[in-house]
Amino acid sequence: MKKRIVCLVLIAIMVLSGCGNSNVDTSQTDNTESAVDKTAADSDTVIKEVKSDKIVEEYNESEYNFGGSEIVCELPKGFVPSDYEGEYIPKDKKDLSSINQILYDSDEDITKYTKEEYKNKIDSEFSETYGMDISIDVTQYDRIMIDGRPGLYIVYNYDFREQHYDAIVVELYNGKESNIITFLQAPGRDWMEKYAESAKTIRYKDAIENGQ
């Protein structure tokens, strides 16, 4: 399985201008910004919100075969690109929260995992990475569809070195590759509600360009 870290492309006004939705809700513009414009948090730039309920669509096992396509979404206001490709961090350097996107070249359909299988997989990866037993508590595990691609919407938390972390993970299967977006909340921070709102805006760029 080959892993590629890629930038999370964010939705700006010019990207959305051709999507055919003239009734766009901008009520959340105080809570989101585009990382394409690194100064957006310091300006009055209006970022259009993508209205999408696809994050809660029921999963169905139909045949699918998609080519590569970039993921787009809006990030919570205050997040900016880090020095690492595919990672976004708060402007507050004391806040260790982060948002990451990873693209895996793999024909494994991650949506086939059960909740218990997923938990065991992450427990094993964490324990191997940090050299200590870490067990996550999965509080939400939903199969979803976004622009026709099946995926998983997962909320979990864990304790590490006496600190408590929370995360929202969206994993999408796109044929021969999988997109994984992880919203991680550092101890003592309050991002989970904004993370959930950001996750609702996740789209495939080709679907937007085709007016879907």
Protein backbone atom coordinates (compact mmCIF):
# COMPACT_ATOMS: atom_id res chain seq x y z
CA MET A 1 0.00 0.00 0.00
CA LYS A 2 1.57 3.27 -1.12
CA LYS A 3 0.85 6.38 0.92
CA ARG A 4 0.87 9.86 -0.53
CA ILE A 5 0.41 12.95 1.59
CA VAL A 6 -1.45 15.60 -0.34
CA CYS A 7 -2.66 19.11 0.29
CA LEU A 8 -6.24 19.58 1.38
CA VAL A 9 -7.69 21.82 -1.30
CA LEU A 10 -10.15 24.27 0.16
CA ILE A 11 -13.23 25.78 -1.41
CA ALA A 12 -12.91 29.45 -2.33
CA ILE A 13 -15.32 31.75 -4.12
CA MET A 14 -13.86 31.19 -7.61
CA VAL A 15 -14.07 27.41 -7.29
CA LEU A 16 -17.73 27.57 -6.39
CA SER A 17 -18.82 30.20 -8.86
CA GLY A 18 -19.73 27.61 -11.48
CA CYS A 19 -21.50 25.04 -9.30
CA GLY A 20 -24.97 26.37 -10.09
CA ASN A 21 -26.12 27.03 -6.53
CA SER A 22 -27.28 30.61 -6.24
CA ASN A 23 -28.87 30.04 -2.83
CA VAL A 24 -25.70 29.71 -0.83
CA ASP A 25 -25.82 30.08 2.95
CA THR A 26 -23.04 32.31 4.25
CA SER A 27 -24.21 32.25 7.85
CA GLN A 28 -21.13 30.24 8.89
CA THR A 29 -18.56 32.58 7.38
CA ASP A 30 -17.47 33.74 10.83
CA ASN A 31 -16.38 30.19 11.68
CA THR A 32 -14.60 29.10 8.51
CA GLU A 33 -11.78 30.32 6.30
CA SER A 34 -9.95 29.21 3.21
CA ALA A 35 -6.39 28.03 3.67
CA VAL A 36 -5.79 28.99 0.04
CA ASP A 37 -5.88 32.58 1.26
CA LYS A 38 -3.55 32.57 4.27
CA THR A 39 -4.71 36.05 5.28
CA ALA A 40 -8.41 35.24 5.27
CA ALA A 41 -8.58 35.16 9.06
CA ASP A 42 -7.36 38.74 9.16
CA SER A 43 -9.69 40.11 6.48
CA ASP A 44 -13.37 40.44 5.67
CA THR A 45 -13.18 37.89 2.85
CA VAL A 46 -16.48 36.06 2.46
CA ILE A 47 -16.11 32.31 1.93
CA LYS A 48 -19.16 30.60 0.48
CA GLU A 49 -20.36 27.58 2.40
CA VAL A 50 -21.11 24.39 0.52
CA LYS A 51 -24.51 23.12 1.59
CA SER A 52 -24.23 19.35 1.77
CA ASP A 53 -26.10 16.70 3.73
CA LYS A 54 -24.19 13.91 2.01
CA ILE A 55 -22.17 13.30 5.16
CA VAL A 56 -25.19 11.45 6.60
CA GLU A 57 -26.37 9.68 3.44
CA GLU A 58 -27.04 5.98 3.87
CA TYR A 59 -24.30 3.70 2.59
CA ASN A 60 -25.18 1.19 -0.09
CA GLU A 61 -23.02 -1.47 -1.70
CA SER A 62 -23.17 -0.50 -5.35
CA GLU A 63 -20.39 -0.83 -7.89
CA TYR A 64 -18.13 2.18 -8.22
CA ASN A 65 -15.02 3.01 -10.21
CA PHE A 66 -13.71 6.54 -9.91
CA GLY A 67 -10.54 8.15 -11.11
CA GLY A 68 -8.43 10.39 -8.93
CA SER A 69 -10.01 13.60 -7.72
CA GLU A 70 -9.06 16.23 -5.20
CA ILE A 71 -10.93 16.57 -1.93
CA VAL A 72 -12.20 20.03 -1.02
CA CYS A 73 -13.67 21.40 2.20
CA GLU A 74 -13.73 24.41 4.46
CA LEU A 75 -11.60 24.55 7.59
CA PRO A 76 -12.45 26.21 10.89
CA LYS A 77 -11.41 29.83 11.05
CA GLY A 78 -7.93 30.18 12.49
CA PHE A 79 -6.35 27.17 10.77
CA VAL A 80 -3.45 27.76 8.36
CA PRO A 81 -1.09 25.49 6.38
CA SER A 82 1.82 24.11 8.39
CA ASP A 83 5.29 23.37 7.08
CA TYR A 84 4.16 19.83 6.28
CA GLU A 85 2.19 19.07 3.12
CA GLY A 86 -1.40 18.12 3.82
CA GLU A 87 -1.41 19.48 7.38
CA TYR A 88 -3.24 22.51 8.78
CA ILE A 89 -2.74 23.89 12.29
CA PRO A 90 -4.16 26.71 14.42
CA LYS A 91 -2.49 30.10 14.21
CA ASP A 92 -2.16 29.87 17.99
CA LYS A 93 1.17 28.03 18.30
CA LYS A 94 0.24 26.81 21.79
CA ASP A 95 -2.67 24.84 20.35
CA LEU A 96 -1.47 21.42 19.19
CA SER A 97 -4.70 20.58 17.36
CA SER A 98 -4.36 19.72 13.68
CA ILE A 99 -6.16 18.72 10.49
CA ASN A 100 -4.45 16.26 8.16
CA GLN A 101 -5.23 14.65 4.83
CA ILE A 102 -3.55 11.48 3.60
CA LEU A 103 -4.15 9.79 0.26
CA TYR A 104 -3.51 6.05 0.10
CA ASP A 105 -2.95 4.19 -3.16
CA SER A 106 -4.81 0.99 -2.34
CA ASP A 107 -7.62 -1.15 -3.67
CA GLU A 108 -8.71 -2.09 -0.13
CA ASP A 109 -12.22 -0.84 0.56
CA ILE A 110 -11.89 0.65 4.04
CA THR A 111 -15.67 0.93 4.36
CA LYS A 112 -15.84 -2.84 4.86
CA TYR A 113 -14.33 -2.50 8.33
CA THR A 114 -16.63 -3.09 11.27
CA LYS A 115 -16.44 -0.76 14.24
CA GLU A 116 -14.46 -3.32 16.24
CA GLU A 117 -12.08 -4.01 13.35
CA TYR A 118 -11.44 -0.31 12.93
CA LYS A 119 -10.80 0.15 16.65
CA ASN A 120 -8.32 -2.74 16.69
CA LYS A 121 -6.56 -1.34 13.62
CA ILE A 122 -6.08 2.10 15.17
CA ASP A 123 -5.11 0.67 18.57
CA SER A 124 -2.42 -1.42 16.87
CA GLU A 125 -1.12 1.51 14.79
CA PHE A 126 -0.96 3.82 17.82
CA SER A 127 0.75 1.23 19.99
CA GLU A 128 3.30 0.50 17.27
CA THR A 129 3.98 4.18 16.67
CA TYR A 130 4.34 5.25 20.29
CA GLY A 131 5.68 2.03 21.81
CA MET A 132 2.92 1.81 24.42
CA ASP A 133 -0.60 0.46 24.65
CA ILE A 134 -3.16 3.03 23.52
CA SER A 135 -6.84 2.17 23.25
CA ILE A 136 -9.31 4.45 21.49
CA ASP A 137 -12.95 4.83 22.50
CA VAL A 138 -15.10 4.97 19.35
CA THR A 139 -18.24 6.99 20.11
CA GLN A 140 -19.63 7.26 16.57
CA TYR A 141 -19.12 4.99 13.58
CA ASP A 142 -21.25 5.68 10.50
CA ARG A 143 -21.09 4.55 6.89
CA ILE A 144 -21.59 7.52 4.60
CA MET A 145 -21.66 8.59 0.96
CA ILE A 146 -20.06 11.76 -0.39
CA ASP A 147 -20.50 12.49 -4.08
CA GLY A 148 -21.12 8.81 -4.75
CA ARG A 149 -18.04 7.59 -2.93
CA PRO A 150 -18.58 5.35 0.09
CA GLY A 151 -16.85 6.21 3.32
CA LEU A 152 -16.73 6.16 7.10
CA TYR A 153 -17.45 8.98 9.56
CA ILE A 154 -15.78 8.18 12.88
CA VAL A 155 -15.57 10.02 16.19
CA TYR A 156 -13.19 8.70 18.83
CA ASN A 157 -11.10 9.77 21.80
CA TYR A 158 -8.08 8.44 23.68
CA ASP A 159 -5.68 9.25 26.48
CA PHE A 160 -1.97 9.65 25.78
CA ARG A 161 0.60 10.49 28.45
CA GLU A 162 -2.16 11.59 30.83
CA GLN A 163 -3.64 13.94 28.22
CA HIS A 164 -7.06 13.54 26.56
CA TYR A 165 -7.46 13.82 22.79
CA ASP A 166 -10.59 13.83 20.60
CA ALA A 167 -10.78 13.21 16.85
CA ILE A 168 -13.14 13.11 13.90
CA VAL A 169 -11.99 10.99 10.98
CA VAL A 170 -13.56 10.86 7.52
CA GLU A 171 -12.29 8.02 5.33
CA LEU A 172 -13.47 7.84 1.71
CA TYR A 173 -12.93 5.05 -0.79
CA ASN A 174 -12.35 6.29 -4.34
CA GLY A 175 -11.70 3.16 -6.37
CA LYS A 176 -7.94 2.53 -6.27
CA GLU A 177 -7.29 5.06 -3.53
CA SER A 178 -8.61 6.22 -0.18
CA ASN A 179 -8.78 9.74 1.23
CA ILE A 180 -8.40 10.05 5.00
CA ILE A 181 -9.03 13.39 6.73
CA THR A 182 -8.31 13.54 10.46
CA PHE A 183 -9.51 16.41 12.65
CA LEU A 184 -7.55 16.15 15.92
CA GLN A 185 -8.42 18.19 19.02
CA ALA A 186 -5.60 18.75 21.49
CA PRO A 187 -6.21 18.65 25.27
CA GLY A 188 -8.13 21.59 26.67
CA ARG A 189 -9.31 22.87 23.27
CA ASP A 190 -12.81 23.29 21.89
CA TRP A 191 -12.83 22.44 18.17
CA MET A 192 -15.14 19.44 17.92
CA GLU A 193 -18.30 21.33 16.96
CA LYS A 194 -16.43 23.34 14.32
CA TYR A 195 -14.72 20.16 13.10
CA ALA A 196 -18.12 18.54 12.59
CA GLU A 197 -19.30 21.55 10.59
CA SER A 198 -16.14 21.43 8.48
CA ALA A 199 -16.63 17.71 7.82
CA LYS A 200 -20.09 18.45 6.40
CA THR A 201 -18.50 20.54 3.64
CA ILE A 202 -16.21 17.77 2.36
CA ARG A 203 -16.72 17.31 -1.37
CA TYR A 204 -14.94 15.89 -4.38
CA LYS A 205 -13.75 18.69 -6.64
CA ASP A 206 -14.87 16.93 -9.81
CA ALA A 207 -18.46 16.74 -8.49
CA ILE A 208 -18.48 20.50 -7.84
CA GLU A 209 -17.05 21.26 -11.26
CA ASN A 210 -19.77 19.12 -12.83
CA GLY A 211 -22.46 21.06 -10.97
CA GLN A 212 -23.47 18.24 -8.65
